[in-house]
Amino acid sequence: MAAINVNNNESIESALRRFKRKVISEEIIKDLKKHAHFIPPGQKAKLKSANARKRNRRRFRQVRPTNMNNNQQRPNMNNNNR
């Protein structure tokens, strides 16, 4: 549980800001949302595999070349080369 001590010369706003930062760093809200409702084991496994696929898709995404020289042209992808 997040707890902070308010100093004598500290304003309520700054103490509240410190408390919010501590709650975020301890991931209390994230944990509450996770346990807010029951997820059946089968559904949990599906979510886990879907998240893994999404992570892997991001990790192994092909990087497009961004720096092309002026004298290089893109190949024509149309088959209308007459």
PDB file of N, CA and C in Angstrom:
ATOM      1  N   MET A   1       0.846  -1.174   0.000  1.00  0.00           N
ATOM      2  CA  MET A   1       0.000   0.000   0.000  1.00  0.00           C
ATOM      3  C   MET A   1       0.894   1.240   0.000  1.00  0.00           C
ATOM      4  N   ALA A   2       0.506   2.215  -0.793  1.00  0.00           N
ATOM      5  CA  ALA A   2       1.288   3.440  -0.910  1.00  0.00           C
ATOM      6  C   ALA A   2       0.994   4.344   0.287  1.00  0.00           C
ATOM      7  N   ALA A   3       2.039   4.797   0.925  1.00  0.00           N
ATOM      8  CA  ALA A   3       1.894   5.725   2.046  1.00  0.00           C
ATOM      9  C   ALA A   3       3.013   6.743   1.961  1.00  0.00           C
ATOM     10  N   ILE A   4       2.677   7.991   2.263  1.00  0.00           N
ATOM     11  CA  ILE A   4       3.680   9.044   2.273  1.00  0.00           C
ATOM     12  C   ILE A   4       3.540   9.831   3.564  1.00  0.00           C
ATOM     13  N   ASN A   5       4.617  10.446   3.979  1.00  0.00           N
ATOM     14  CA  ASN A   5       4.600  11.332   5.139  1.00  0.00           C
ATOM     15  C   ASN A   5       4.618  12.766   4.639  1.00  0.00           C
ATOM     16  N   VAL A   6       3.661  13.568   5.119  1.00  0.00           N
ATOM     17  CA  VAL A   6       3.582  14.966   4.722  1.00  0.00           C
ATOM     18  C   VAL A   6       4.489  15.773   5.634  1.00  0.00           C
ATOM     19  N   ASN A   7       5.412  16.513   5.040  1.00  0.00           N
ATOM     20  CA  ASN A   7       6.336  17.345   5.815  1.00  0.00           C
ATOM     21  C   ASN A   7       5.614  18.588   6.329  1.00  0.00           C
ATOM     22  N   ASN A   8       6.222  19.263   7.305  1.00  0.00           N
ATOM     23  CA  ASN A   8       5.596  20.446   7.910  1.00  0.00           C
ATOM     24  C   ASN A   8       5.380  21.578   6.919  1.00  0.00           C
ATOM     25  N   ASN A   9       6.378  21.870   6.099  1.00  0.00           N
ATOM     26  CA  ASN A   9       6.298  23.001   5.175  1.00  0.00           C
ATOM     27  C   ASN A   9       5.798  22.600   3.794  1.00  0.00           C
ATOM     28  N   GLU A  10       5.268  21.401   3.648  1.00  0.00           N
ATOM     29  CA  GLU A  10       4.860  20.905   2.342  1.00  0.00           C
ATOM     30  C   GLU A  10       3.376  21.192   2.107  1.00  0.00           C
ATOM     31  N   SER A  11       3.060  21.623   0.901  1.00  0.00           N
ATOM     32  CA  SER A  11       1.662  21.892   0.575  1.00  0.00           C
ATOM     33  C   SER A  11       0.934  20.574   0.286  1.00  0.00           C
ATOM     34  N   ILE A  12      -0.376  20.635   0.378  1.00  0.00           N
ATOM     35  CA  ILE A  12      -1.190  19.450   0.123  1.00  0.00           C
ATOM     36  C   ILE A  12      -1.055  19.019  -1.336  1.00  0.00           C
ATOM     37  N   GLU A  13      -0.947  19.987  -2.248  1.00  0.00           N
ATOM     38  CA  GLU A  13      -0.840  19.675  -3.670  1.00  0.00           C
ATOM     39  C   GLU A  13       0.425  18.871  -3.984  1.00  0.00           C
ATOM     40  N   SER A  14       1.540  19.277  -3.395  1.00  0.00           N
ATOM     41  CA  SER A  14       2.785  18.554  -3.667  1.00  0.00           C
ATOM     42  C   SER A  14       2.763  17.167  -3.017  1.00  0.00           C
ATOM     43  N   ALA A  15       2.137  17.054  -1.833  1.00  0.00           N
ATOM     44  CA  ALA A  15       2.015  15.741  -1.189  1.00  0.00           C
ATOM     45  C   ALA A  15       1.127  14.825  -2.019  1.00  0.00           C
ATOM     46  N   LEU A  16       0.055  15.376  -2.569  1.00  0.00           N
ATOM     47  CA  LEU A  16      -0.833  14.594  -3.418  1.00  0.00           C
ATOM     48  C   LEU A  16      -0.128  14.153  -4.690  1.00  0.00           C
ATOM     49  N   ARG A  17       0.691  15.042  -5.256  1.00  0.00           N
ATOM     50  CA  ARG A  17       1.478  14.698  -6.444  1.00  0.00           C
ATOM     51  C   ARG A  17       2.435  13.551  -6.140  1.00  0.00           C
ATOM     52  N   ARG A  18       3.109  13.618  -4.989  1.00  0.00           N
ATOM     53  CA  ARG A  18       4.023  12.527  -4.599  1.00  0.00           C
ATOM     54  C   ARG A  18       3.263  11.225  -4.406  1.00  0.00           C
ATOM     55  N   PHE A  19       2.075  11.308  -3.791  1.00  0.00           N
ATOM     56  CA  PHE A  19       1.262  10.113  -3.562  1.00  0.00           C
ATOM     57  C   PHE A  19       0.849   9.484  -4.892  1.00  0.00           C
ATOM     58  N   LYS A  20       0.408  10.297  -5.846  1.00  0.00           N
ATOM     59  CA  LYS A  20       0.003   9.781  -7.153  1.00  0.00           C
ATOM     60  C   LYS A  20       1.163   9.100  -7.862  1.00  0.00           C
ATOM     61  N   ARG A  21       2.356   9.724  -7.781  1.00  0.00           N
ATOM     62  CA  ARG A  21       3.546   9.122  -8.399  1.00  0.00           C
ATOM     63  C   ARG A  21       3.863   7.772  -7.780  1.00  0.00           C
ATOM     64  N   LYS A  22       3.712   7.688  -6.467  1.00  0.00           N
ATOM     65  CA  LYS A  22       4.007   6.439  -5.769  1.00  0.00           C
ATOM     66  C   LYS A  22       2.996   5.351  -6.140  1.00  0.00           C
ATOM     67  N   VAL A  23       1.721   5.728  -6.268  1.00  0.00           N
ATOM     68  CA  VAL A  23       0.684   4.771  -6.665  1.00  0.00           C
ATOM     69  C   VAL A  23       0.965   4.249  -8.068  1.00  0.00           C
ATOM     70  N   ILE A  24       1.360   5.140  -8.984  1.00  0.00           N
ATOM     71  CA  ILE A  24       1.672   4.722 -10.346  1.00  0.00           C
ATOM     72  C   ILE A  24       2.893   3.812 -10.363  1.00  0.00           C
ATOM     73  N   SER A  25       3.919   4.151  -9.596  1.00  0.00           N
ATOM     74  CA  SER A  25       5.141   3.341  -9.611  1.00  0.00           C
ATOM     75  C   SER A  25       4.922   1.965  -8.995  1.00  0.00           C
ATOM     76  N   GLU A  26       4.013   1.850  -8.034  1.00  0.00           N
ATOM     77  CA  GLU A  26       3.728   0.553  -7.419  1.00  0.00           C
ATOM     78  C   GLU A  26       2.673  -0.231  -8.185  1.00  0.00           C
ATOM     79  N   GLU A  27       2.141   0.346  -9.257  1.00  0.00           N
ATOM     80  CA  GLU A  27       1.165  -0.289 -10.140  1.00  0.00           C
ATOM     81  C   GLU A  27      -0.070  -0.786  -9.389  1.00  0.00           C
ATOM     82  N   ILE A  28      -0.562   0.001  -8.466  1.00  0.00           N
ATOM     83  CA  ILE A  28      -1.738  -0.370  -7.679  1.00  0.00           C
ATOM     84  C   ILE A  28      -2.989  -0.327  -8.547  1.00  0.00           C
ATOM     85  N   ILE A  29      -3.150   0.718  -9.347  1.00  0.00           N
ATOM     86  CA  ILE A  29      -4.328   0.859 -10.199  1.00  0.00           C
ATOM     87  C   ILE A  29      -4.375  -0.262 -11.230  1.00  0.00           C
ATOM     88  N   LYS A  30      -3.219  -0.588 -11.810  1.00  0.00           N
ATOM     89  CA  LYS A  30      -3.141  -1.652 -12.804  1.00  0.00           C
ATOM     90  C   LYS A  30      -3.578  -2.982 -12.199  1.00  0.00           C
ATOM     91  N   ASP A  31      -3.159  -3.241 -10.972  1.00  0.00           N
ATOM     92  CA  ASP A  31      -3.518  -4.472 -10.288  1.00  0.00           C
ATOM     93  C   ASP A  31      -5.016  -4.508  -9.976  1.00  0.00           C
ATOM     94  N   LEU A  32      -5.581  -3.377  -9.568  1.00  0.00           N
ATOM     95  CA  LEU A  32      -7.017  -3.316  -9.291  1.00  0.00           C
ATOM     96  C   LEU A  32      -7.830  -3.604 -10.545  1.00  0.00           C
ATOM     97  N   LYS A  33      -7.436  -3.032 -11.673  1.00  0.00           N
ATOM     98  CA  LYS A  33      -8.151  -3.275 -12.916  1.00  0.00           C
ATOM     99  C   LYS A  33      -8.040  -4.730 -13.336  1.00  0.00           C
ATOM    100  N   LYS A  34      -6.889  -5.324 -13.084  1.00  0.00           N
ATOM    101  CA  LYS A  34      -6.674  -6.723 -13.456  1.00  0.00           C
ATOM    102  C   LYS A  34      -7.579  -7.652 -12.656  1.00  0.00           C
ATOM    103  N   HIS A  35      -7.800  -7.343 -11.383  1.00  0.00           N
ATOM    104  CA  HIS A  35      -8.616  -8.189 -10.519  1.00  0.00           C
ATOM    105  C   HIS A  35     -10.050  -7.682 -10.383  1.00  0.00           C
ATOM    106  N   ALA A  36     -10.473  -6.763 -11.242  1.00  0.00           N
ATOM    107  CA  ALA A  36     -11.817  -6.193 -11.121  1.00  0.00           C
ATOM    108  C   ALA A  36     -12.905  -7.218 -11.438  1.00  0.00           C
ATOM    109  N   HIS A  37     -12.646  -8.150 -12.356  1.00  0.00           N
ATOM    110  CA  HIS A  37     -13.632  -9.163 -12.700  1.00  0.00           C
ATOM    111  C   HIS A  37     -12.931 -10.476 -12.996  1.00  0.00           C
ATOM    112  N   PHE A  38     -13.697 -11.552 -12.908  1.00  0.00           N
ATOM    113  CA  PHE A  38     -13.147 -12.887 -13.092  1.00  0.00           C
ATOM    114  C   PHE A  38     -12.985 -13.191 -14.575  1.00  0.00           C
ATOM    115  N   ILE A  39     -11.812 -13.704 -14.936  1.00  0.00           N
ATOM    116  CA  ILE A  39     -11.552 -14.147 -16.301  1.00  0.00           C
ATOM    117  C   ILE A  39     -11.327 -15.658 -16.245  1.00  0.00           C
ATOM    118  N   PRO A  40     -12.143 -16.437 -16.984  1.00  0.00           N
ATOM    119  CA  PRO A  40     -11.969 -17.890 -16.983  1.00  0.00           C
ATOM    120  C   PRO A  40     -10.583 -18.279 -17.488  1.00  0.00           C
ATOM    121  N   PRO A  41     -10.068 -19.417 -17.033  1.00  0.00           N
ATOM    122  CA  PRO A  41      -8.714 -19.830 -17.435  1.00  0.00           C
ATOM    123  C   PRO A  41      -8.530 -19.935 -18.950  1.00  0.00           C
ATOM    124  N   GLY A  42      -9.533 -20.432 -19.668  1.00  0.00           N
ATOM    125  CA  GLY A  42      -9.418 -20.540 -21.121  1.00  0.00           C
ATOM    126  C   GLY A  42      -9.300 -19.173 -21.775  1.00  0.00           C
ATOM    127  N   GLN A  43     -10.100 -18.227 -21.300  1.00  0.00           N
ATOM    128  CA  GLN A  43     -10.048 -16.870 -21.838  1.00  0.00           C
ATOM    129  C   GLN A  43      -8.712 -16.207 -21.508  1.00  0.00           C
ATOM    130  N   LYS A  44      -8.193 -16.493 -20.305  1.00  0.00           N
ATOM    131  CA  LYS A  44      -6.908 -15.932 -19.895  1.00  0.00           C
ATOM    132  C   LYS A  44      -5.782 -16.437 -20.808  1.00  0.00           C
ATOM    133  N   ALA A  45      -5.838 -17.729 -21.169  1.00  0.00           N
ATOM    134  CA  ALA A  45      -4.824 -18.296 -22.062  1.00  0.00           C
ATOM    135  C   ALA A  45      -4.916 -17.671 -23.450  1.00  0.00           C
ATOM    136  N   LYS A  46      -6.144 -17.441 -23.937  1.00  0.00           N
ATOM    137  CA  LYS A  46      -6.320 -16.806 -25.247  1.00  0.00           C
ATOM    138  C   LYS A  46      -5.754 -15.389 -25.246  1.00  0.00           C
ATOM    139  N   LEU A  47      -6.009 -14.645 -24.177  1.00  0.00           N
ATOM    140  CA  LEU A  47      -5.480 -13.289 -24.069  1.00  0.00           C
ATOM    141  C   LEU A  47      -3.958 -13.291 -24.039  1.00  0.00           C
ATOM    142  N   LYS A  48      -3.402 -14.258 -23.305  1.00  0.00           N
ATOM    143  CA  LYS A  48      -1.949 -14.337 -23.187  1.00  0.00           C
ATOM    144  C   LYS A  48      -1.310 -14.625 -24.541  1.00  0.00           C
ATOM    145  N   SER A  49      -1.880 -15.555 -25.295  1.00  0.00           N
ATOM    146  CA  SER A  49      -1.308 -15.875 -26.603  1.00  0.00           C
ATOM    147  C   SER A  49      -1.517 -14.730 -27.594  1.00  0.00           C
ATOM    148  N   ALA A  50      -2.650 -14.036 -27.500  1.00  0.00           N
ATOM    149  CA  ALA A  50      -2.892 -12.898 -28.388  1.00  0.00           C
ATOM    150  C   ALA A  50      -1.891 -11.780 -28.104  1.00  0.00           C
ATOM    151  N   ASN A  51      -1.620 -11.535 -26.833  1.00  0.00           N
ATOM    152  CA  ASN A  51      -0.634 -10.517 -26.477  1.00  0.00           C
ATOM    153  C   ASN A  51       0.760 -10.921 -26.943  1.00  0.00           C
ATOM    154  N   ALA A  52       1.076 -12.213 -26.868  1.00  0.00           N
ATOM    155  CA  ALA A  52       2.385 -12.683 -27.330  1.00  0.00           C
ATOM    156  C   ALA A  52       2.513 -12.494 -28.838  1.00  0.00           C
ATOM    157  N   ARG A  53       1.441 -12.810 -29.591  1.00  0.00           N
ATOM    158  CA  ARG A  53       1.482 -12.606 -31.039  1.00  0.00           C
ATOM    159  C   ARG A  53       1.674 -11.134 -31.377  1.00  0.00           C
ATOM    160  N   LYS A  54       0.977 -10.273 -30.650  1.00  0.00           N
ATOM    161  CA  LYS A  54       1.086  -8.835 -30.884  1.00  0.00           C
ATOM    162  C   LYS A  54       2.502  -8.342 -30.592  1.00  0.00           C
ATOM    163  N   ARG A  55       3.092  -8.835 -29.487  1.00  0.00           N
ATOM    164  CA  ARG A  55       4.455  -8.460 -29.117  1.00  0.00           C
ATOM    165  C   ARG A  55       5.447  -8.918 -30.178  1.00  0.00           C
ATOM    166  N   ASN A  56       5.290 -10.154 -30.640  1.00  0.00           N
ATOM    167  CA  ASN A  56       6.208 -10.685 -31.649  1.00  0.00           C
ATOM    168  C   ASN A  56       6.059  -9.968 -32.982  1.00  0.00           C
ATOM    169  N   ARG A  57       4.836  -9.593 -33.334  1.00  0.00           N
ATOM    170  CA  ARG A  57       4.611  -8.853 -34.572  1.00  0.00           C
ATOM    171  C   ARG A  57       5.345  -7.527 -34.537  1.00  0.00           C
ATOM    172  N   ARG A  58       5.290  -6.864 -33.387  1.00  0.00           N
ATOM    173  CA  ARG A  58       5.996  -5.584 -33.244  1.00  0.00           C
ATOM    174  C   ARG A  58       7.504  -5.789 -33.278  1.00  0.00           C
ATOM    175  N   ARG A  59       7.970  -6.863 -32.647  1.00  0.00           N
ATOM    176  CA  ARG A  59       9.410  -7.105 -32.524  1.00  0.00           C
ATOM    177  C   ARG A  59      10.041  -7.441 -33.868  1.00  0.00           C
ATOM    178  N   PHE A  60       9.343  -8.226 -34.683  1.00  0.00           N
ATOM    179  CA  PHE A  60       9.924  -8.705 -35.932  1.00  0.00           C
ATOM    180  C   PHE A  60       9.387  -7.979 -37.156  1.00  0.00           C
ATOM    181  N   ARG A  61       8.859  -6.778 -36.955  1.00  0.00           N
ATOM    182  CA  ARG A  61       8.343  -5.987 -38.064  1.00  0.00           C
ATOM    183  C   ARG A  61       9.499  -5.577 -38.964  1.00  0.00           C
ATOM    184  N   GLN A  62       9.278  -5.613 -40.263  1.00  0.00           N
ATOM    185  CA  GLN A  62      10.327  -5.226 -41.195  1.00  0.00           C
ATOM    186  C   GLN A  62      10.490  -3.713 -41.175  1.00  0.00           C
ATOM    187  N   VAL A  63      11.727  -3.279 -41.187  1.00  0.00           N
ATOM    188  CA  VAL A  63      12.026  -1.858 -41.171  1.00  0.00           C
ATOM    189  C   VAL A  63      12.139  -1.387 -42.607  1.00  0.00           C
ATOM    190  N   ARG A  64      11.376  -0.347 -42.945  1.00  0.00           N
ATOM    191  CA  ARG A  64      11.426   0.199 -44.294  1.00  0.00           C
ATOM    192  C   ARG A  64      12.615   1.128 -44.432  1.00  0.00           C
ATOM    193  N   PRO A  65      13.260   1.135 -45.586  1.00  0.00           N
ATOM    194  CA  PRO A  65      14.369   2.084 -45.783  1.00  0.00           C
ATOM    195  C   PRO A  65      13.820   3.499 -45.878  1.00  0.00           C
ATOM    196  N   THR A  66      14.357   4.391 -45.070  1.00  0.00           N
ATOM    197  CA  THR A  66      13.864   5.767 -45.054  1.00  0.00           C
ATOM    198  C   THR A  66      14.794   6.716 -45.779  1.00  0.00           C
ATOM    199  N   ASN A  67      16.063   6.346 -45.929  1.00  0.00           N
ATOM    200  CA  ASN A  67      17.033   7.249 -46.535  1.00  0.00           C
ATOM    201  C   ASN A  67      17.366   6.751 -47.945  1.00  0.00           C
ATOM    202  N   MET A  68      16.671   7.304 -48.932  1.00  0.00           N
ATOM    203  CA  MET A  68      16.943   6.930 -50.324  1.00  0.00           C
ATOM    204  C   MET A  68      17.662   8.092 -50.993  1.00  0.00           C
ATOM    205  N   ASN A  69      18.694   7.792 -51.758  1.00  0.00           N
ATOM    206  CA  ASN A  69      19.415   8.829 -52.485  1.00  0.00           C
ATOM    207  C   ASN A  69      18.555   9.362 -53.616  1.00  0.00           C
ATOM    208  N   ASN A  70      18.862  10.569 -54.088  1.00  0.00           N
ATOM    209  CA  ASN A  70      18.084  11.183 -55.156  1.00  0.00           C
ATOM    210  C   ASN A  70      18.221  10.442 -56.474  1.00  0.00           C
ATOM    211  N   ASN A  71      19.379   9.832 -56.744  1.00  0.00           N
ATOM    212  CA  ASN A  71      19.573   9.154 -58.014  1.00  0.00           C
ATOM    213  C   ASN A  71      18.982   7.746 -58.020  1.00  0.00           C
ATOM    214  N   GLN A  72      18.570   7.241 -56.872  1.00  0.00           N
ATOM    215  CA  GLN A  72      17.913   5.945 -56.816  1.00  0.00           C
ATOM    216  C   GLN A  72      16.415   6.171 -56.922  1.00  0.00           C
ATOM    217  N   GLN A  73      15.770   5.352 -57.716  1.00  0.00           N
ATOM    218  CA  GLN A  73      14.331   5.448 -57.853  1.00  0.00           C
ATOM    219  C   GLN A  73      13.700   4.156 -57.373  1.00  0.00           C
ATOM    220  N   ARG A  74      12.479   4.285 -56.944  1.00  0.00           N
ATOM    221  CA  ARG A  74      11.750   3.093 -56.527  1.00  0.00           C
ATOM    222  C   ARG A  74      11.395   2.274 -57.757  1.00  0.00           C
ATOM    223  N   PRO A  75      11.413   0.974 -57.652  1.00  0.00           N
ATOM    224  CA  PRO A  75      11.026   0.151 -58.803  1.00  0.00           C
ATOM    225  C   PRO A  75       9.533   0.306 -59.067  1.00  0.00           C
ATOM    226  N   ASN A  76       9.191   0.259 -60.360  1.00  0.00           N
ATOM    227  CA  ASN A  76       7.791   0.405 -60.729  1.00  0.00           C
ATOM    228  C   ASN A  76       7.083  -0.901 -60.436  1.00  0.00           C
ATOM    229  N   MET A  77       6.084  -0.844 -59.582  1.00  0.00           N
ATOM    230  CA  MET A  77       5.384  -2.049 -59.165  1.00  0.00           C
ATOM    231  C   MET A  77       4.265  -2.434 -60.129  1.00  0.00           C
ATOM    232  N   ASN A  78       3.887  -1.528 -61.029  1.00  0.00           N
ATOM    233  CA  ASN A  78       2.845  -1.834 -61.996  1.00  0.00           C
ATOM    234  C   ASN A  78       3.433  -2.671 -63.123  1.00  0.00           C
ATOM    235  N   ASN A  79       2.595  -3.488 -63.730  1.00  0.00           N
ATOM    236  CA  ASN A  79       3.046  -4.330 -64.839  1.00  0.00           C
ATOM    237  C   ASN A  79       2.774  -3.661 -66.171  1.00  0.00           C
ATOM    238  N   ASN A  80       2.697  -2.346 -66.195  1.00  0.00           N
ATOM    239  CA  ASN A  80       2.409  -1.606 -67.419  1.00  0.00           C
ATOM    240  C   ASN A  80       3.703  -1.052 -68.026  1.00  0.00           C
ATOM    241  N   ASN A  81       4.746  -1.836 -68.112  1.00  0.00           N
ATOM    242  CA  ASN A  81       6.033  -1.392 -68.656  1.00  0.00           C
ATOM    243  C   ASN A  81       6.037  -1.592 -70.174  1.00  0.00           C
ATOM    244  N   ARG A  82       5.419  -0.706 -70.918  1.00  0.00           N
ATOM    245  CA  ARG A  82       5.341  -0.837 -72.372  1.00  0.00           C
ATOM    246  C   ARG A  82       6.256   0.100 -73.059  1.00  0.00           C
TER     247      ARG A  82
END
